[in-house]
Amino acid sequence: MNRRTFVRGAGLLAASPLFGLPRLACAASDLPTVRPAAGQRRFQSPAVENAIAEFGRTVKDPELAWLFNNCFPNTLDTTVTPTTRAGRPDTFVITGDIDAMWLRDSSAQVWPYLSFVTQDAALRQLVAGVINRQTRCILQDPYANAFYQDPTKVGEWKTDQTDMKPGVHERKWEIDSLCYPIRLGYHYWKITGDDQPFDAQWRQAIALTLQTFREQQHKTGPGPYHFYRQTTNLLDTQPLNPPPVHPTGLIASAFRPSDDATHFPFLVPSNFFAVTSLRQAFLMMADIAHDNAAAQECMALSDEIALALRQHAIIQHPDFGPVYAYEVDGTGGHTLMDDANAPSLLSLPYLDALPLNEPTYQNTRKLALSATNPFFFKGTAAEGIGSPHTGADRIWPISLAMRGLTSLDDAEIRACVRALKASHAGTGYMHESFHKDNPAKYTRAWFAWANTFCGEFLWKVYRERPKLLA
């Protein structure tokens, strides 16, 4: 299915109080049942259900409670297939309306449930199964971003000019595809103490990740990856004969987390993410695998990328001061923007890539949330960051939640909560994007990452600043 398919929603419409008009409150009796019935859910976690019940009892806004009830468990309700393989948990996770598993999306979709895995053994096994499945995917093809459950399936992009394999849905090389599984595995290990998923195959996947990152530094040539798709959409392909990459120590990424082609090869937020992920891999290789040589290789590459970011990623802006570019080419070319998809510049503290109070990050955050960012849109319904992936005037709920998660300001966090509440267009769910003046004009009616991420944000606000949900 084309991820850019536009769907017009039906239902309640109201202007958001995020820089817009006040919104009328909904009574609980006005809210339809949209979550699947218990017998129709793919997986049900008692710990997650307890959290939903607690939120509903405590938060006095019935629409917010309804939204949390629908969105937070959406990944578990609709997208997971937990099984076993060779006596080990194996979990396949689709994105929603596309029957494929993205390494990025699947990691982000189950991430909010990590805080509940010590209360729910079956949920812990489900997340371990995601880690095991991701390891197999990386070993199948470290350059692929999305996979089918059936390893023999040949999909719609079989004519792409790349080293396409059965079982691969799409082979767009994106740095973050190899970072997200490390992030998920590392935090799973720290929370549970369970090292069962991190076996010899997992160590092979880390070695392959290191090899792929090194190849895409382009120090000795372009490496083995190539990609061309015959299409009229330039964001969906790389040039048939791409120009050479100037080596800097940074990792080149052919595509962004949006699955759109990069403009310049060095995607800054993804390189920051790689620094953090490699340091997490260092700890795991040292403490679990006891492979000090591999651990040191992770740390050395992390340090090299961190140095290159200091040398090449910072641009002096006349209004905002030193800021991080979104992309650079290593010879002075750069792009000043941000995209709603994470890793983004806005998301760097959320991904533990930078401290929230780091001055250059704060300057960059101001730029990203201003008209200087060509993909920051402000309308009568809301204001927020969108993406070239969905075009002009379309705000992503993911960016609204990310803005709230990277803020310490009560007014800003409250405004993000209200904007999300105003964006569901009567459906009770989040969408990929919505029009800045009309949330009923949205893309992707079933996008589980956006749903679960909204729930993650609301749960964090409930736990830390419950007064903001009043």
Protein backbone atom coordinates (compact mmCIF):
# COMPACT_ATOMS: atom_id res chain seq x y z
CA MET A 1 0.00 0.00 0.00
CA ASN A 2 1.28 3.49 -0.82
CA ARG A 3 2.21 5.20 2.44
CA ARG A 4 1.12 8.54 0.99
CA THR A 5 -2.50 7.51 0.47
CA PHE A 6 -4.74 10.31 1.69
CA VAL A 7 -7.85 9.44 3.67
CA ARG A 8 -10.56 11.84 4.70
CA GLY A 9 -11.84 11.12 8.17
CA ALA A 10 -15.34 11.71 9.47
CA GLY A 11 -16.50 12.77 12.88
CA LEU A 12 -15.91 15.46 15.46
CA LEU A 13 -14.01 18.53 14.36
CA ALA A 14 -12.88 21.38 16.54
CA ALA A 15 -10.09 23.92 16.49
CA SER A 16 -7.20 23.10 18.79
CA PRO A 17 -6.28 25.30 21.73
CA LEU A 18 -2.66 24.90 20.59
CA PHE A 19 -2.38 28.43 19.21
CA GLY A 20 -5.97 28.14 17.91
CA LEU A 21 -9.55 28.47 19.09
CA PRO A 22 -11.01 26.87 22.25
CA ARG A 23 -12.47 23.38 21.96
CA LEU A 24 -15.74 22.19 23.45
CA ALA A 25 -15.44 19.31 25.89
CA CYS A 26 -16.92 15.91 25.00
CA ALA A 27 -19.07 13.90 27.39
CA ALA A 28 -18.21 10.22 27.81
CA SER A 29 -21.58 9.28 26.31
CA ASP A 30 -20.65 11.08 23.06
CA LEU A 31 -17.59 8.90 22.46
CA PRO A 32 -18.02 5.78 20.32
CA THR A 33 -16.37 2.44 21.04
CA VAL A 34 -13.59 2.12 18.48
CA ARG A 35 -11.02 -0.10 20.19
CA PRO A 36 -11.29 -3.77 19.13
CA ALA A 37 -13.21 -5.97 21.55
CA ALA A 38 -11.08 -8.13 23.84
CA GLY A 39 -11.64 -11.26 21.76
CA GLN A 40 -10.46 -9.50 18.59
CA ARG A 41 -7.15 -8.20 19.97
CA ARG A 42 -3.91 -9.80 18.86
CA PHE A 43 -2.35 -9.58 22.34
CA GLN A 44 -3.57 -8.35 25.69
CA SER A 45 -1.29 -7.40 28.57
CA PRO A 46 -2.76 -7.23 32.09
CA ALA A 47 -0.10 -4.67 33.04
CA VAL A 48 -0.98 -2.40 30.12
CA GLU A 49 -4.71 -2.85 30.78
CA ASN A 50 -4.15 -1.85 34.42
CA ALA A 51 -2.38 1.32 33.25
CA ILE A 52 -5.28 2.13 30.92
CA ALA A 53 -7.77 1.61 33.74
CA GLU A 54 -5.74 3.77 36.11
CA PHE A 55 -5.52 6.57 33.57
CA GLY A 56 -9.26 6.37 32.94
CA ARG A 57 -10.12 6.47 36.65
CA THR A 58 -7.82 9.37 37.43
CA VAL A 59 -7.90 11.67 34.39
CA LYS A 60 -11.16 13.61 34.52
CA ASP A 61 -11.23 14.55 30.84
CA PRO A 62 -13.29 11.73 29.24
CA GLU A 63 -12.00 12.42 25.74
CA LEU A 64 -8.37 12.17 26.84
CA ALA A 65 -9.11 8.94 28.71
CA TRP A 66 -10.87 7.57 25.62
CA LEU A 67 -7.97 8.58 23.39
CA PHE A 68 -5.44 6.90 25.70
CA ASN A 69 -7.61 3.77 25.87
CA ASN A 70 -7.62 3.54 22.08
CA CYS A 71 -4.09 4.64 21.22
CA PHE A 72 -1.76 3.27 23.88
CA PRO A 73 -2.50 -0.45 23.29
CA ASN A 74 -2.95 -0.12 19.52
CA THR A 75 0.32 -1.90 18.68
CA LEU A 76 -0.66 -4.84 20.90
CA ASP A 77 -4.29 -4.79 19.77
CA THR A 78 -3.71 -4.77 16.03
CA THR A 79 -0.13 -5.30 14.81
CA VAL A 80 1.76 -8.02 16.70
CA THR A 81 2.03 -11.72 15.87
CA PRO A 82 3.80 -13.43 18.78
CA THR A 83 4.97 -16.98 18.05
CA THR A 84 7.98 -19.15 18.84
CA ARG A 85 10.80 -20.35 16.64
CA ALA A 86 13.20 -23.09 17.72
CA GLY A 87 11.90 -22.72 21.27
CA ARG A 88 12.53 -18.98 21.40
CA PRO A 89 10.03 -16.11 21.27
CA ASP A 90 9.55 -14.60 17.82
CA THR A 91 7.34 -11.56 17.29
CA PHE A 92 6.45 -10.01 13.95
CA VAL A 93 5.12 -6.43 14.07
CA ILE A 94 3.45 -4.69 11.14
CA THR A 95 3.19 -0.90 10.97
CA GLY A 96 -0.59 -0.92 10.55
CA ASP A 97 -1.92 -0.46 7.05
CA ILE A 98 1.22 -1.95 5.46
CA ASP A 99 1.76 -5.67 5.98
CA ALA A 100 5.49 -5.41 6.63
CA MET A 101 7.82 -4.93 9.60
CA TRP A 102 10.07 -1.90 9.66
CA LEU A 103 13.08 -2.20 11.99
CA ARG A 104 12.49 1.39 13.07
CA ASP A 105 8.72 1.28 13.51
CA SER A 106 8.63 -2.08 15.27
CA SER A 107 11.19 -0.88 17.82
CA ALA A 108 9.30 2.35 18.44
CA GLN A 109 5.93 0.59 18.58
CA VAL A 110 6.86 -1.72 21.47
CA TRP A 111 9.19 0.75 23.21
CA PRO A 112 6.51 2.25 25.53
CA TYR A 113 5.70 -1.21 26.92
CA LEU A 114 9.23 -1.73 28.29
CA SER A 115 8.24 -0.09 31.56
CA PHE A 116 5.62 -2.83 32.06
CA VAL A 117 7.63 -5.95 31.16
CA THR A 118 8.72 -6.68 34.74
CA GLN A 119 5.03 -6.89 35.68
CA ASP A 120 3.99 -9.14 32.78
CA ALA A 121 6.01 -12.19 31.75
CA ALA A 122 4.10 -12.66 28.49
CA LEU A 123 4.72 -9.04 27.50
CA ARG A 124 8.41 -9.49 28.29
CA GLN A 125 8.47 -12.51 25.98
CA LEU A 126 6.72 -10.54 23.26
CA VAL A 127 9.40 -7.81 23.36
CA ALA A 128 12.15 -10.43 23.46
CA GLY A 129 10.53 -11.91 20.37
CA VAL A 130 10.78 -8.57 18.59
CA ILE A 131 14.50 -8.45 19.39
CA ASN A 132 14.97 -11.99 18.09
CA ARG A 133 13.06 -11.25 14.89
CA GLN A 134 15.03 -8.04 14.29
CA THR A 135 18.28 -9.96 14.67
CA ARG A 136 17.18 -12.36 11.94
CA CYS A 137 16.16 -9.44 9.70
CA ILE A 138 19.55 -7.73 10.07
CA LEU A 139 21.36 -10.97 9.27
CA GLN A 140 19.15 -11.37 6.21
CA ASP A 141 20.05 -7.92 4.87
CA PRO A 142 21.54 -5.06 6.94
CA TYR A 143 20.70 -2.57 4.18
CA ALA A 144 16.97 -3.33 4.14
CA ASN A 145 14.52 -1.23 6.14
CA ALA A 146 11.38 -3.42 6.01
CA PHE A 147 10.65 -7.16 5.89
CA TYR A 148 7.81 -9.62 5.34
CA GLN A 149 6.79 -12.29 7.81
CA ASP A 150 7.06 -14.88 5.03
CA PRO A 151 10.79 -15.15 4.17
CA THR A 152 9.96 -16.36 0.66
CA LYS A 153 7.56 -13.54 -0.26
CA VAL A 154 8.48 -11.34 -3.22
CA GLY A 155 6.87 -7.94 -2.81
CA GLU A 156 5.78 -4.90 -4.77
CA TRP A 157 9.27 -3.38 -5.01
CA LYS A 158 10.87 -6.42 -6.65
CA THR A 159 11.88 -4.33 -9.69
CA ASP A 160 14.01 -1.91 -7.65
CA GLN A 161 17.57 -1.88 -8.96
CA THR A 162 19.31 -3.09 -5.82
CA ASP A 163 20.29 -6.44 -4.31
CA MET A 164 16.68 -7.37 -3.56
CA LYS A 165 16.02 -10.64 -1.72
CA PRO A 166 12.85 -12.64 -1.01
CA GLY A 167 11.33 -11.70 2.32
CA VAL A 168 12.45 -8.07 1.99
CA HIS A 169 9.66 -5.55 1.54
CA GLU A 170 11.89 -2.57 0.82
CA ARG A 171 15.65 -2.05 0.65
CA LYS A 172 16.13 1.61 1.47
CA TRP A 173 19.37 2.10 3.41
CA GLU A 174 18.66 4.18 6.53
CA ILE A 175 21.12 4.45 9.42
CA ASP A 176 18.40 4.39 12.04
CA SER A 177 17.22 0.96 10.87
CA LEU A 178 20.28 -0.50 12.61
CA CYS A 179 20.18 1.87 15.59
CA TYR A 180 16.64 1.24 16.80
CA PRO A 181 17.15 -2.52 17.44
CA ILE A 182 20.22 -1.72 19.57
CA ARG A 183 18.24 0.86 21.55
CA LEU A 184 15.40 -1.58 22.17
CA GLY A 185 17.73 -4.45 23.09
CA TYR A 186 19.88 -2.34 25.40
CA HIS A 187 16.99 -0.99 27.42
CA TYR A 188 15.27 -4.38 27.52
CA TRP A 189 18.47 -5.84 28.99
CA LYS A 190 18.90 -3.01 31.53
CA ILE A 191 15.27 -3.29 32.69
CA THR A 192 14.95 -7.08 32.82
CA GLY A 193 18.50 -8.37 33.23
CA ASP A 194 17.57 -11.00 30.64
CA ASP A 195 20.44 -11.71 28.24
CA GLN A 196 18.79 -14.61 26.39
CA PRO A 197 18.12 -12.66 23.17
CA PHE A 198 21.77 -11.61 22.92
CA ASP A 199 23.24 -14.84 21.67
CA ALA A 200 25.74 -15.68 18.94
CA GLN A 201 23.33 -14.59 16.20
CA TRP A 202 22.79 -11.25 17.90
CA ARG A 203 26.55 -10.78 18.14
CA GLN A 204 26.76 -11.52 14.41
CA ALA A 205 24.15 -8.83 13.81
CA ILE A 206 26.23 -6.32 15.78
CA ALA A 207 29.29 -7.27 13.74
CA LEU A 208 27.28 -6.79 10.55
CA THR A 209 26.03 -3.43 11.82
CA LEU A 210 29.62 -2.31 12.40
CA GLN A 211 30.62 -3.52 8.94
CA THR A 212 27.70 -1.70 7.31
CA PHE A 213 28.40 1.54 9.16
CA ARG A 214 32.06 1.35 8.13
CA GLU A 215 31.16 0.68 4.51
CA GLN A 216 28.87 3.69 4.47
CA GLN A 217 31.56 6.04 5.74
CA HIS A 218 32.79 5.82 2.11
CA LYS A 219 36.46 5.96 3.06
CA THR A 220 37.49 3.43 0.42
CA GLY A 221 34.71 3.88 -2.10
CA PRO A 222 30.93 3.69 -2.30
CA GLY A 223 30.62 0.25 -0.73
CA PRO A 224 28.23 -2.47 -1.93
CA TYR A 225 24.94 -0.60 -1.59
CA HIS A 226 23.13 0.81 -4.61
CA PHE A 227 19.49 1.70 -5.16
CA TYR A 228 17.38 3.00 -8.01
CA ARG A 229 13.61 2.90 -8.42
CA GLN A 230 11.88 3.83 -11.65
CA THR A 231 9.43 6.46 -10.42
CA THR A 232 8.33 10.03 -11.00
CA ASN A 233 8.69 10.72 -7.27
CA LEU A 234 12.28 11.83 -6.69
CA LEU A 235 11.92 11.29 -2.94
CA ASP A 236 11.46 7.56 -3.57
CA THR A 237 14.76 6.87 -5.28
CA GLN A 238 18.46 7.66 -5.42
CA PRO A 239 20.14 8.86 -8.63
CA LEU A 240 21.02 6.11 -11.07
CA ASN A 241 24.61 7.38 -10.97
CA PRO A 242 24.99 9.08 -7.57
CA PRO A 243 27.84 11.56 -7.07
CA PRO A 244 30.80 10.48 -4.92
CA VAL A 245 30.57 11.06 -1.18
CA HIS A 246 33.30 13.11 0.48
CA PRO A 247 34.48 11.02 3.45
CA THR A 248 34.36 12.82 6.81
CA GLY A 249 33.99 10.07 9.39
CA LEU A 250 30.21 10.43 9.30
CA ILE A 251 27.98 7.63 7.99
CA ALA A 252 26.17 8.27 4.71
CA SER A 253 22.46 7.44 4.61
CA ALA A 254 20.67 7.02 1.28
CA PHE A 255 17.26 7.60 2.88
CA ARG A 256 15.76 9.45 5.84
CA PRO A 257 13.59 7.89 8.57
CA SER A 258 10.62 9.00 6.47
CA ASP A 259 11.84 6.59 3.75
CA ASP A 260 12.46 9.69 1.60
CA ALA A 261 15.78 10.13 -0.19
CA THR A 262 18.38 12.30 1.50
CA HIS A 263 19.46 15.53 -0.20
CA PHE A 264 22.96 15.50 1.27
CA PRO A 265 24.50 12.16 2.28
CA PHE A 266 25.25 12.77 5.96
CA LEU A 267 21.98 12.81 7.90
CA VAL A 268 22.89 14.53 11.16
CA PRO A 269 20.21 13.23 13.57
CA SER A 270 20.81 9.65 12.41
CA ASN A 271 24.55 10.02 12.96
CA PHE A 272 23.88 11.31 16.49
CA PHE A 273 21.66 8.26 17.01
CA ALA A 274 24.48 6.01 15.78
CA VAL A 275 26.87 7.51 18.36
CA THR A 276 24.48 6.61 21.19
CA SER A 277 23.61 3.18 19.80
CA LEU A 278 27.25 2.21 19.33
CA ARG A 279 28.00 3.15 22.93
CA GLN A 280 25.09 0.98 24.06
CA ALA A 281 26.43 -1.85 21.88
CA PHE A 282 29.84 -1.34 23.50
CA LEU A 283 28.38 -2.00 26.95
CA MET A 284 26.46 -5.05 25.76
CA MET A 285 29.39 -6.58 23.90
CA ALA A 286 31.61 -6.06 26.94
CA ASP A 287 29.20 -7.15 29.68
CA ILE A 288 27.13 -9.85 27.94
CA ALA A 289 29.37 -11.20 25.16
CA HIS A 290 32.67 -10.48 26.99
CA ASP A 291 34.08 -9.59 23.58
CA ASN A 292 36.36 -6.70 24.41
CA ALA A 293 37.73 -6.38 20.89
CA ALA A 294 34.26 -5.92 19.38
CA ALA A 295 33.27 -3.63 22.24
CA GLN A 296 36.28 -1.40 21.60
CA GLU A 297 35.47 -1.32 17.89
CA CYS A 298 31.97 -0.03 18.74
CA MET A 299 33.40 2.66 20.99
CA ALA A 300 36.08 3.70 18.49
CA LEU A 301 33.51 4.16 15.72
CA SER A 302 31.20 6.04 18.09
CA ASP A 303 34.00 8.42 19.04
CA GLU A 304 34.95 8.95 15.39
CA ILE A 305 31.39 9.88 14.43
CA ALA A 306 31.02 12.16 17.46
CA LEU A 307 34.17 14.06 16.46
CA ALA A 308 32.98 14.36 12.86
CA LEU A 309 29.63 15.76 14.06
CA ARG A 310 31.45 18.47 16.02
CA GLN A 311 33.50 19.30 12.93
CA HIS A 312 30.78 19.23 10.26
CA ALA A 313 27.26 19.35 11.70
CA ILE A 314 27.22 22.78 13.39
CA ILE A 315 26.20 25.79 11.31
CA GLN A 316 26.25 29.43 12.45
CA HIS A 317 22.77 30.87 11.90
CA PRO A 318 22.29 34.69 11.85
CA ASP A 319 19.19 34.54 14.06
CA PHE A 320 19.57 31.40 16.18
CA GLY A 321 23.35 31.19 16.62
CA PRO A 322 25.09 27.80 16.33
CA VAL A 323 22.60 25.13 15.25
CA TYR A 324 22.77 21.57 13.98
CA ALA A 325 22.10 21.13 10.28
CA TYR A 326 19.69 18.40 9.25
CA GLU A 327 22.01 17.10 6.51
CA VAL A 328 25.55 18.00 5.42
CA ASP A 329 27.86 16.93 2.63
CA GLY A 330 31.18 17.45 4.43
CA THR A 331 32.28 20.26 2.09
CA GLY A 332 30.05 23.07 3.37
CA GLY A 333 26.73 22.09 1.82
CA HIS A 334 23.96 21.73 4.37
CA THR A 335 20.18 21.62 4.86
CA LEU A 336 18.52 23.64 7.62
CA MET A 337 15.19 21.96 8.40
CA ASP A 338 13.68 19.23 10.51
CA ASP A 339 11.38 16.33 9.69
CA ALA A 340 8.71 14.89 11.98
CA ASN A 341 10.09 11.36 11.67
CA ALA A 342 12.45 10.26 14.43
CA PRO A 343 15.40 10.40 14.58
CA SER A 344 14.91 14.08 14.01
CA LEU A 345 16.84 17.02 15.39
CA LEU A 346 13.94 17.66 17.78
CA SER A 347 14.12 14.07 19.07
CA LEU A 348 17.82 13.97 20.02
CA PRO A 349 17.33 14.22 23.82
CA TYR A 350 14.50 11.67 23.64
CA LEU A 351 16.95 9.26 21.97
CA ASP A 352 19.61 10.01 24.64
CA ALA A 353 21.81 11.51 21.93
CA LEU A 354 22.12 14.95 23.55
CA PRO A 355 21.27 16.52 26.90
CA LEU A 356 18.04 18.50 26.80
CA ASN A 357 19.82 21.65 28.02
CA GLU A 358 22.70 21.45 25.52
CA PRO A 359 22.88 25.03 24.09
CA THR A 360 23.25 24.12 20.41
CA TYR A 361 20.35 21.70 20.68
CA GLN A 362 18.18 24.40 22.27
CA ASN A 363 19.06 26.79 19.42
CA THR A 364 18.23 24.05 16.91
CA ARG A 365 14.93 23.31 18.66
CA LYS A 366 13.92 26.97 18.32
CA LEU A 367 14.76 26.88 14.62
CA ALA A 368 12.87 23.62 14.05
CA LEU A 369 9.76 25.08 15.72
CA SER A 370 9.80 28.26 13.68
CA ALA A 371 9.01 29.41 10.17
CA THR A 372 12.73 29.04 9.37
CA ASN A 373 12.06 25.31 9.17
CA PRO A 374 10.28 24.90 5.82
CA PHE A 375 8.33 21.95 7.26
CA PHE A 376 6.93 23.76 10.29
CA PHE A 377 3.31 24.57 9.60
CA LYS A 378 0.91 26.80 11.52
CA GLY A 379 -2.82 26.80 10.87
CA THR A 380 -6.16 27.32 12.53
CA ALA A 381 -6.21 23.76 13.95
CA ALA A 382 -2.64 23.45 15.21
CA GLU A 383 1.01 24.18 14.58
CA GLY A 384 3.76 21.61 14.29
CA ILE A 385 6.38 19.90 12.19
CA GLY A 386 5.48 17.90 9.11
CA SER A 387 7.56 16.18 6.46
CA PRO A 388 8.38 16.28 2.74
CA HIS A 389 6.87 12.78 2.79
CA THR A 390 3.34 14.18 3.11
CA GLY A 391 3.88 17.62 1.56
CA ALA A 392 2.93 21.12 2.55
CA ASP A 393 0.60 22.10 5.39
CA ARG A 394 0.40 18.65 7.00
CA ILE A 395 1.39 18.28 10.65
CA TRP A 396 2.45 14.95 12.15
CA PRO A 397 1.05 13.92 15.55
CA ILE A 398 4.41 12.23 16.18
CA SER A 399 6.03 15.66 16.10
CA LEU A 400 3.47 17.08 18.53
CA ALA A 401 4.17 14.28 21.01
CA MET A 402 7.93 14.66 20.47
CA ARG A 403 7.69 18.38 21.14
CA GLY A 404 6.01 17.61 24.44
CA LEU A 405 8.50 14.89 25.35
CA THR A 406 11.43 17.27 24.79
CA SER A 407 9.96 20.17 26.77
CA LEU A 408 10.16 21.15 30.42
CA ASP A 409 7.66 23.97 30.01
CA ASP A 410 4.20 23.23 31.44
CA ALA A 411 2.40 25.52 29.00
CA GLU A 412 4.09 23.94 25.99
CA ILE A 413 3.43 20.39 27.21
CA ARG A 414 -0.23 21.21 27.93
CA ALA A 415 -0.57 22.73 24.45
CA CYS A 416 0.84 19.55 22.88
CA VAL A 417 -1.66 17.43 24.80
CA ARG A 418 -4.52 19.61 23.60
CA ALA A 419 -3.29 19.59 20.01
CA LEU A 420 -3.16 15.80 19.96
CA LYS A 421 -6.64 15.67 21.47
CA ALA A 422 -7.89 17.97 18.72
CA SER A 423 -6.23 16.07 15.87
CA HIS A 424 -8.02 12.70 15.90
CA ALA A 425 -10.97 14.00 13.86
CA GLY A 426 -13.50 11.92 15.76
CA THR A 427 -11.74 8.62 15.02
CA GLY A 428 -10.18 8.14 18.46
CA TYR A 429 -6.81 7.47 16.84
CA MET A 430 -3.76 9.35 15.65
CA HIS A 431 -2.78 9.52 12.00
CA GLU A 432 0.39 9.93 10.02
CA SER A 433 -0.43 13.60 9.33
CA PHE A 434 -3.35 16.01 9.27
CA HIS A 435 -4.01 19.32 7.55
CA LYS A 436 -3.06 22.31 9.66
CA ASP A 437 -6.55 23.81 9.17
CA ASN A 438 -8.64 20.65 9.13
CA PRO A 439 -7.71 17.46 11.06
CA ALA A 440 -10.31 15.48 9.08
CA LYS A 441 -7.96 15.67 6.09
CA TYR A 442 -5.47 13.09 7.28
CA THR A 443 -3.14 10.41 5.94
CA ARG A 444 -3.01 6.78 7.12
CA ALA A 445 -6.04 5.83 9.17
CA TRP A 446 -4.10 2.97 10.80
CA PHE A 447 -0.57 3.95 11.81
CA ALA A 448 0.33 2.15 15.02
CA TRP A 449 3.56 4.04 15.78
CA ALA A 450 1.67 7.34 15.96
CA ASN A 451 -0.99 5.80 18.19
CA THR A 452 1.37 4.17 20.66
CA PHE A 453 3.66 7.20 20.71
CA CYS A 454 0.72 9.43 21.61
CA GLY A 455 -0.04 7.01 24.43
CA GLU A 456 3.59 7.06 25.55
CA PHE A 457 3.50 10.84 25.81
CA LEU A 458 0.17 10.93 27.66
CA TRP A 459 1.37 8.28 30.14
CA LYS A 460 4.55 10.24 30.84
CA VAL A 461 2.55 13.42 31.44
CA TYR A 462 0.15 11.51 33.68
CA ARG A 463 3.02 10.09 35.74
CA GLU A 464 5.06 13.26 36.00
CA ARG A 465 2.73 16.26 35.52
CA PRO A 466 -0.86 15.02 36.00
CA LYS A 467 -2.23 18.52 36.53
CA LEU A 468 -1.56 19.23 32.84
CA LEU A 469 -4.23 16.69 31.85
CA ALA A 470 -6.95 18.55 33.71
